C-alpha atoms as a PDB file:
ATOM      1  CA  MET A   1       0.287  -0.065   0.235  1.00  0.00           C
ATOM      2  CA  ASN A   2       1.742   3.365  -1.097  1.00  0.00           C
ATOM      3  CA  LYS A   3       1.919   6.566   0.772  1.00  0.00           C
ATOM      4  CA  PHE A   4      -1.027   8.122  -0.543  1.00  0.00           C
ATOM      5  CA  THR A   5      -3.507   5.118  -0.234  1.00  0.00           C
ATOM      6  CA  THR A   6      -2.555   5.026   3.319  1.00  0.00           C
ATOM      7  CA  LEU A   7      -3.052   9.052   3.806  1.00  0.00           C
ATOM      8  CA  PHE A   8      -6.511   8.370   1.714  1.00  0.00           C
ATOM      9  CA  PHE A   9      -7.875   5.809   4.102  1.00  0.00           C
ATOM     10  CA  SER A  10      -6.635   7.199   7.644  1.00  0.00           C
ATOM     11  CA  LEU A  11      -8.549  10.292   6.777  1.00  0.00           C
ATOM     12  CA  LEU A  12     -11.680   8.141   5.519  1.00  0.00           C
ATOM     13  CA  PHE A  13     -11.360   6.236   8.673  1.00  0.00           C
ATOM     14  CA  SER A  14     -11.114   9.695  10.890  1.00  0.00           C
ATOM     15  CA  SER A  15     -13.812  11.085   9.116  1.00  0.00           C
ATOM     16  CA  ILE A  16     -16.093   8.306   9.541  1.00  0.00           C
ATOM     17  CA  PHE A  17     -15.331   7.231  13.479  1.00  0.00           C
ATOM     18  CA  ALA A  18     -15.533  10.390  14.661  1.00  0.00           C
ATOM     19  CA  GLN A  19     -17.520  10.427  17.635  1.00  0.00           C
ATOM     20  CA  VAL A  20     -20.576  12.675  17.331  1.00  0.00           C
ATOM     21  CA  PRO A  21     -21.541  14.126  20.661  1.00  0.00           C
ATOM     22  CA  VAL A  22     -24.846  13.697  22.521  1.00  0.00           C
ATOM     23  CA  GLY A  23     -27.009  16.545  21.607  1.00  0.00           C
ATOM     24  CA  TYR A  24     -25.378  17.886  18.401  1.00  0.00           C
ATOM     25  CA  LYS A  25     -24.532  17.023  15.103  1.00  0.00           C
ATOM     26  CA  SER A  26     -21.656  16.818  12.411  1.00  0.00           C
ATOM     27  CA  VAL A  27     -21.371  20.758  11.051  1.00  0.00           C
ATOM     28  CA  LYS A  28     -21.921  20.049   6.452  1.00  0.00           C
ATOM     29  CA  GLU A  29     -20.304  23.758   5.348  1.00  0.00           C
ATOM     30  CA  THR A  30     -17.635  23.539   7.467  1.00  0.00           C
ATOM     31  CA  GLU A  31     -15.230  26.260   5.158  1.00  0.00           C
ATOM     32  CA  SER A  32     -17.809  28.826   5.534  1.00  0.00           C
ATOM     33  CA  PHE A  33     -18.399  28.597   9.453  1.00  0.00           C
ATOM     34  CA  LYS A  34     -14.470  28.925   9.819  1.00  0.00           C
ATOM     35  CA  GLN A  35     -14.483  31.795   7.572  1.00  0.00           C
ATOM     36  CA  LYS A  36     -17.512  33.656   9.463  1.00  0.00           C
ATOM     37  CA  MET A  37     -15.240  32.731  12.787  1.00  0.00           C
ATOM     38  CA  GLU A  38     -11.894  33.870  11.004  1.00  0.00           C
ATOM     39  CA  GLU A  39     -13.909  37.107   9.622  1.00  0.00           C
ATOM     40  CA  GLN A  40     -15.326  37.643  13.440  1.00  0.00           C
ATOM     41  CA  SER A  41     -12.276  37.104  15.301  1.00  0.00           C
ATOM     42  CA  LYS A  42     -10.291  40.019  12.918  1.00  0.00           C
ATOM     43  CA  LEU A  43     -13.049  42.798  14.320  1.00  0.00           C
ATOM     44  CA  ILE A  44     -12.156  41.695  17.977  1.00  0.00           C
ATOM     45  CA  ASN A  45      -9.111  43.614  19.715  1.00  0.00           C
ATOM     46  CA  THR A  46     -10.061  43.251  23.586  1.00  0.00           C
ATOM     47  CA  ILE A  47     -11.392  40.947  25.264  1.00  0.00           C
ATOM     48  CA  GLU A  48     -12.713  40.831  29.207  1.00  0.00           C
ATOM     49  CA  SER A  49     -14.635  38.546  30.801  1.00  0.00           C
ATOM     50  CA  ASP A  50     -14.624  36.486  33.824  1.00  0.00           C
ATOM     51  CA  PHE A  51     -14.378  33.422  34.230  1.00  0.00           C
ATOM     52  CA  THR A  52     -15.369  29.984  36.310  1.00  0.00           C
ATOM     53  CA  GLN A  53     -12.990  27.117  35.874  1.00  0.00           C
ATOM     54  CA  GLU A  54     -13.704  22.993  36.753  1.00  0.00           C
ATOM     55  CA  LYS A  55     -10.666  20.775  37.252  1.00  0.00           C
ATOM     56  CA  TYR A  56     -11.578  17.035  37.259  1.00  0.00           C
ATOM     57  CA  LEU A  57      -9.366  14.837  38.820  1.00  0.00           C
ATOM     58  CA  SER A  58      -9.846  10.964  38.842  1.00  0.00           C
ATOM     59  CA  VAL A  59      -8.071  10.733  42.404  1.00  0.00           C
ATOM     60  CA  MET A  60     -10.133  13.336  43.941  1.00  0.00           C
ATOM     61  CA  SER A  61     -13.976  13.071  44.755  1.00  0.00           C
ATOM     62  CA  GLU A  62     -14.766  16.155  44.064  1.00  0.00           C
ATOM     63  CA  LYS A  63     -14.116  18.913  41.234  1.00  0.00           C
ATOM     64  CA  ILE A  64     -11.685  21.722  42.010  1.00  0.00           C
ATOM     65  CA  ILE A  65     -13.338  25.638  41.373  1.00  0.00           C
ATOM     66  CA  THR A  66     -12.136  28.174  40.646  1.00  0.00           C
ATOM     67  CA  LYS A  67     -12.923  31.864  39.834  1.00  0.00           C
ATOM     68  CA  GLY A  68     -11.377  34.674  38.121  1.00  0.00           C
ATOM     69  CA  HIS A  69     -11.098  37.426  35.444  1.00  0.00           C
ATOM     70  CA  PHE A  70      -9.691  37.210  31.957  1.00  0.00           C
ATOM     71  CA  LEU A  71      -8.107  39.895  29.691  1.00  0.00           C
ATOM     72  CA  PHE A  72      -6.816  39.538  25.990  1.00  0.00           C
ATOM     73  CA  LYS A  73      -5.364  42.174  23.794  1.00  0.00           C
ATOM     74  CA  LYS A  74      -3.772  42.165  20.469  1.00  0.00           C
ATOM     75  CA  VAL A  75      -0.765  41.467  19.666  1.00  0.00           C
ATOM     76  CA  ASN A  76       0.036  38.585  22.258  1.00  0.00           C
ATOM     77  CA  MET A  77      -1.264  39.721  25.553  1.00  0.00           C
ATOM     78  CA  LEU A  78      -2.999  37.540  27.696  1.00  0.00           C
ATOM     79  CA  ARG A  79      -3.725  37.654  31.754  1.00  0.00           C
ATOM     80  CA  TRP A  80      -5.369  35.144  33.582  1.00  0.00           C
ATOM     81  CA  GLU A  81      -5.950  36.416  36.690  1.00  0.00           C
ATOM     82  CA  TYR A  82      -7.638  33.787  39.604  1.00  0.00           C
ATOM     83  CA  THR A  83      -9.535  35.381  42.322  1.00  0.00           C
ATOM     84  CA  GLU A  84     -11.029  33.088  44.119  1.00  0.00           C
ATOM     85  CA  PRO A  85     -10.660  30.675  46.492  1.00  0.00           C
ATOM     86  CA  LEU A  86      -7.112  31.913  45.764  1.00  0.00           C
ATOM     87  CA  LYS A  87      -4.924  34.195  44.554  1.00  0.00           C
ATOM     88  CA  TYR A  88      -3.388  33.148  41.136  1.00  0.00           C
ATOM     89  CA  LEU A  89      -2.113  35.685  38.794  1.00  0.00           C
ATOM     90  CA  ILE A  90      -0.503  34.433  35.346  1.00  0.00           C
ATOM     91  CA  ALA A  91       0.459  37.157  32.525  1.00  0.00           C
ATOM     92  CA  ILE A  92       1.591  36.605  28.747  1.00  0.00           C
ATOM     93  CA  ASN A  93       3.426  39.845  27.465  1.00  0.00           C
ATOM     94  CA  LYS A  94       4.245  39.023  23.729  1.00  0.00           C
ATOM     95  CA  ASP A  95       6.771  36.413  24.420  1.00  0.00           C
ATOM     96  CA  LYS A  96       7.132  37.052  28.374  1.00  0.00           C
ATOM     97  CA  MET A  97       4.768  34.906  30.911  1.00  0.00           C
ATOM     98  CA  PHE A  98       4.549  36.190  34.362  1.00  0.00           C
ATOM     99  CA  ILE A  99       3.482  34.239  37.255  1.00  0.00           C
ATOM    100  CA  LYS A 100       2.494  35.321  40.195  1.00  0.00           C
ATOM    101  CA  ASP A 101       1.749  33.157  43.519  1.00  0.00           C
ATOM    102  CA  ASN A 102       1.743  34.152  46.912  1.00  0.00           C
ATOM    103  CA  GLY A 103       3.139  37.300  46.229  1.00  0.00           C
ATOM    104  CA  LYS A 104       6.052  36.098  44.272  1.00  0.00           C
ATOM    105  CA  VAL A 105       6.415  36.770  41.023  1.00  0.00           C
ATOM    106  CA  SER A 106       8.552  34.621  38.290  1.00  0.00           C
ATOM    107  CA  LYS A 107       9.427  36.026  34.817  1.00  0.00           C
ATOM    108  CA  TYR A 108       9.942  33.685  31.700  1.00  0.00           C
ATOM    109  CA  ASP A 109      11.189  33.722  28.344  1.00  0.00           C
ATOM    110  CA  ILE A 110       8.574  31.761  26.286  1.00  0.00           C
ATOM    111  CA  ASN A 111      10.341  31.256  23.448  1.00  0.00           C
ATOM    112  CA  SER A 112      13.122  29.254  25.897  1.00  0.00           C
ATOM    113  CA  ASN A 113      10.212  26.621  27.136  1.00  0.00           C
ATOM    114  CA  LYS A 114       8.478  24.445  24.656  1.00  0.00           C
ATOM    115  CA  MET A 115       6.166  23.286  26.614  1.00  0.00           C
ATOM    116  CA  PHE A 116       5.098  27.264  27.458  1.00  0.00           C
ATOM    117  CA  LYS A 117       5.479  27.947  23.830  1.00  0.00           C
ATOM    118  CA  SER A 118       3.190  25.178  23.166  1.00  0.00           C
ATOM    119  CA  ILE A 119       0.491  26.503  25.938  1.00  0.00           C
ATOM    120  CA  ASN A 120       1.219  30.067  24.412  1.00  0.00           C
ATOM    121  CA  GLU A 121       0.600  29.107  21.025  1.00  0.00           C
ATOM    122  CA  MET A 122      -2.430  27.392  22.248  1.00  0.00           C
ATOM    123  CA  MET A 123      -4.024  29.994  24.288  1.00  0.00           C
ATOM    124  CA  MET A 124      -3.432  32.725  22.163  1.00  0.00           C
ATOM    125  CA  SER A 125      -4.439  30.924  19.193  1.00  0.00           C
ATOM    126  CA  THR A 126      -7.923  29.767  20.770  1.00  0.00           C
ATOM    127  CA  VAL A 127      -8.909  33.321  21.988  1.00  0.00           C
ATOM    128  CA  ASN A 128      -8.049  35.106  18.208  1.00  0.00           C
ATOM    129  CA  GLY A 129      -9.848  32.171  16.144  1.00  0.00           C
ATOM    130  CA  THR A 130      -6.860  31.003  14.858  1.00  0.00           C
ATOM    131  CA  LEU A 131      -6.088  27.661  15.832  1.00  0.00           C
ATOM    132  CA  LEU A 132      -8.900  26.288  13.179  1.00  0.00           C
ATOM    133  CA  ASN A 133      -6.188  26.564  10.692  1.00  0.00           C
ATOM    134  CA  ASN A 134      -3.493  25.334  13.145  1.00  0.00           C
ATOM    135  CA  LYS A 135      -1.561  22.220  11.165  1.00  0.00           C
ATOM    136  CA  ASP A 136      -0.839  20.538  14.682  1.00  0.00           C
ATOM    137  CA  TYR A 137      -4.893  19.587  15.135  1.00  0.00           C
ATOM    138  CA  GLN A 138      -6.968  17.866  13.427  1.00  0.00           C
ATOM    139  CA  PRO A 139     -10.571  19.016  13.759  1.00  0.00           C
ATOM    140  CA  ASN A 140     -13.986  18.280  14.053  1.00  0.00           C
ATOM    141  CA  TYR A 141     -17.245  19.961  14.240  1.00  0.00           C
ATOM    142  CA  PHE A 142     -20.403  19.787  15.183  1.00  0.00           C
ATOM    143  CA  GLU A 143     -23.657  21.689  16.075  1.00  0.00           C
ATOM    144  CA  ASN A 144     -26.362  22.098  17.899  1.00  0.00           C
ATOM    145  CA  ASP A 145     -29.374  24.971  17.903  1.00  0.00           C
ATOM    146  CA  LYS A 146     -27.101  27.436  20.054  1.00  0.00           C
ATOM    147  CA  LEU A 147     -23.941  26.523  19.567  1.00  0.00           C
ATOM    148  CA  TYR A 148     -20.873  24.850  17.339  1.00  0.00           C
ATOM    149  CA  LEU A 149     -18.855  22.440  18.704  1.00  0.00           C
ATOM    150  CA  ILE A 150     -15.076  22.122  17.758  1.00  0.00           C
ATOM    151  CA  GLU A 151     -13.213  19.360  18.791  1.00  0.00           C
ATOM    152  CA  LEU A 152      -9.354  19.843  18.305  1.00  0.00           C
ATOM    153  CA  THR A 153      -7.150  16.262  18.368  1.00  0.00           C
ATOM    154  CA  PRO A 154      -3.718  17.371  18.708  1.00  0.00           C
ATOM    155  CA  LEU A 155      -0.959  16.079  16.036  1.00  0.00           C
ATOM    156  CA  GLN A 156       2.512  16.669  17.445  1.00  0.00           C
ATOM    157  CA  LYS A 157       4.149  14.123  20.299  1.00  0.00           C
ATOM    158  CA  GLY A 158       4.869  17.445  22.808  1.00  0.00           C
ATOM    159  CA  ALA A 159       1.134  18.600  22.750  1.00  0.00           C
ATOM    160  CA  LYS A 160      -0.241  14.952  22.781  1.00  0.00           C
ATOM    161  CA  ASP A 161       2.110  14.180  26.114  1.00  0.00           C
ATOM    162  CA  PHE A 162      -0.798  16.242  28.391  1.00  0.00           C
ATOM    163  CA  LEU A 163      -3.560  17.311  25.915  1.00  0.00           C
ATOM    164  CA  LYS A 164      -5.844  14.601  24.450  1.00  0.00           C
ATOM    165  CA  VAL A 165      -8.514  16.468  22.825  1.00  0.00           C
ATOM    166  CA  ILE A 166      -9.312  20.471  23.015  1.00  0.00           C
ATOM    167  CA  GLN A 167     -13.389  21.351  22.563  1.00  0.00           C
ATOM    168  CA  LEU A 168     -14.396  24.670  21.955  1.00  0.00           C
ATOM    169  CA  TYR A 169     -18.103  25.995  22.164  1.00  0.00           C
ATOM    170  CA  VAL A 170     -18.995  29.104  20.536  1.00  0.00           C
ATOM    171  CA  GLN A 171     -21.861  30.613  20.242  1.00  0.00           C
ATOM    172  CA  LYS A 172     -24.113  30.850  16.764  1.00  0.00           C
ATOM    173  CA  THR A 173     -24.822  34.660  17.489  1.00  0.00           C
ATOM    174  CA  ASP A 174     -21.691  35.946  17.556  1.00  0.00           C
ATOM    175  CA  TYR A 175     -18.834  33.463  16.874  1.00  0.00           C
ATOM    176  CA  ALA A 176     -17.465  34.102  20.639  1.00  0.00           C
ATOM    177  CA  VAL A 177     -15.748  31.018  22.293  1.00  0.00           C
ATOM    178  CA  VAL A 178     -18.043  30.880  25.511  1.00  0.00           C
ATOM    179  CA  LYS A 179     -16.617  27.581  27.101  1.00  0.00           C
ATOM    180  CA  VAL A 180     -13.263  25.502  26.394  1.00  0.00           C
ATOM    181  CA  LYS A 181     -12.919  22.061  27.808  1.00  0.00           C
ATOM    182  CA  MET A 182      -9.191  20.389  27.646  1.00  0.00           C
ATOM    183  CA  ILE A 183      -8.929  16.718  28.337  1.00  0.00           C
ATOM    184  CA  GLU A 184      -6.107  15.084  29.565  1.00  0.00           C
ATOM    185  CA  PRO A 185      -4.837  11.692  27.943  1.00  0.00           C
ATOM    186  CA  GLY A 186      -6.147   9.911  31.231  1.00  0.00           C
ATOM    187  CA  ASP A 187      -9.467  11.434  30.881  1.00  0.00           C
ATOM    188  CA  ASP A 188      -8.802  14.381  33.317  1.00  0.00           C
ATOM    189  CA  TYR A 189     -10.249  17.276  32.266  1.00  0.00           C
ATOM    190  CA  THR A 190     -10.609  21.525  32.687  1.00  0.00           C
ATOM    191  CA  THR A 191     -13.119  23.057  31.748  1.00  0.00           C
ATOM    192  CA  ILE A 192     -13.189  26.936  31.577  1.00  0.00           C
ATOM    193  CA  GLU A 193     -16.412  28.784  31.124  1.00  0.00           C
ATOM    194  CA  PHE A 194     -16.884  32.571  30.333  1.00  0.00           C
ATOM    195  CA  THR A 195     -19.306  34.772  31.141  1.00  0.00           C
ATOM    196  CA  ASN A 196     -20.119  38.461  31.453  1.00  0.00           C
ATOM    197  CA  ARG A 197     -18.099  38.956  28.464  1.00  0.00           C
ATOM    198  CA  LYS A 198     -16.964  42.643  26.701  1.00  0.00           C
ATOM    199  CA  THR A 199     -14.742  43.036  23.899  1.00  0.00           C
ATOM    200  CA  ASN A 200     -13.107  46.171  22.218  1.00  0.00           C
ATOM    201  CA  GLN A 201     -12.678  47.999  25.175  1.00  0.00           C
ATOM    202  CA  THR A 202      -9.950  50.113  26.093  1.00  0.00           C
ATOM    203  CA  ILE A 203      -7.180  48.278  28.264  1.00  0.00           C
ATOM    204  CA  GLY A 204      -3.618  49.214  28.868  1.00  0.00           C
ATOM    205  CA  ASP A 205      -0.775  47.728  28.243  1.00  0.00           C
ATOM    206  CA  GLU A 206      -0.030  47.777  32.055  1.00  0.00           C
ATOM    207  CA  LYS A 207      -2.025  45.230  33.006  1.00  0.00           C
ATOM    208  CA  PHE A 208      -0.321  42.379  31.016  1.00  0.00           C
ATOM    209  CA  ILE A 209       3.367  43.202  33.126  1.00  0.00           C
ATOM    210  CA  VAL A 210       3.421  41.817  36.547  1.00  0.00           C
ATOM    211  CA  LYS A 211       5.419  43.320  39.519  1.00  0.00           C
END
């Protein structure tokens, strides 16, 4: 069997056996959807939102629930601030990452750490809508009456080591990502749900520098 035939059957079977989530159906016009989402993302310069994060670990009987505030600004600026029940801050400012934990600030060069770089690229492309065109992920598209659900399976070994699939839940009204679910190889997962979302508000660059 030659390489072309192998590739053809691999793509065929991955499409046939992509499991449709309960309550959803496959999207027929995927290119149209991708184009509309990309067009919408180009109109957004900043995002501000509250978030609730749920972390499920198989070794624990209850989910770990944290809440906080999220900021995004083009180009390549991101701020995750956990406010309850603990205080923890992650900020990305272009090629720098800041982490503040218990009052102590650590600063990292994203490009010097493959894991940080991979996480940064995933987070940024998720927010700005370019993850759908990332060749490092195999996408599958589903929909119901209110939401699109995009399942992204990593293809590169580095990402596959800590990530099984990313699920993006996108509102049909404005193509905004309202929930992200990241499932790990052992089926532990993290869900982040966004609320009180505001776009194109003024956000100063100082918000992405931690001292």
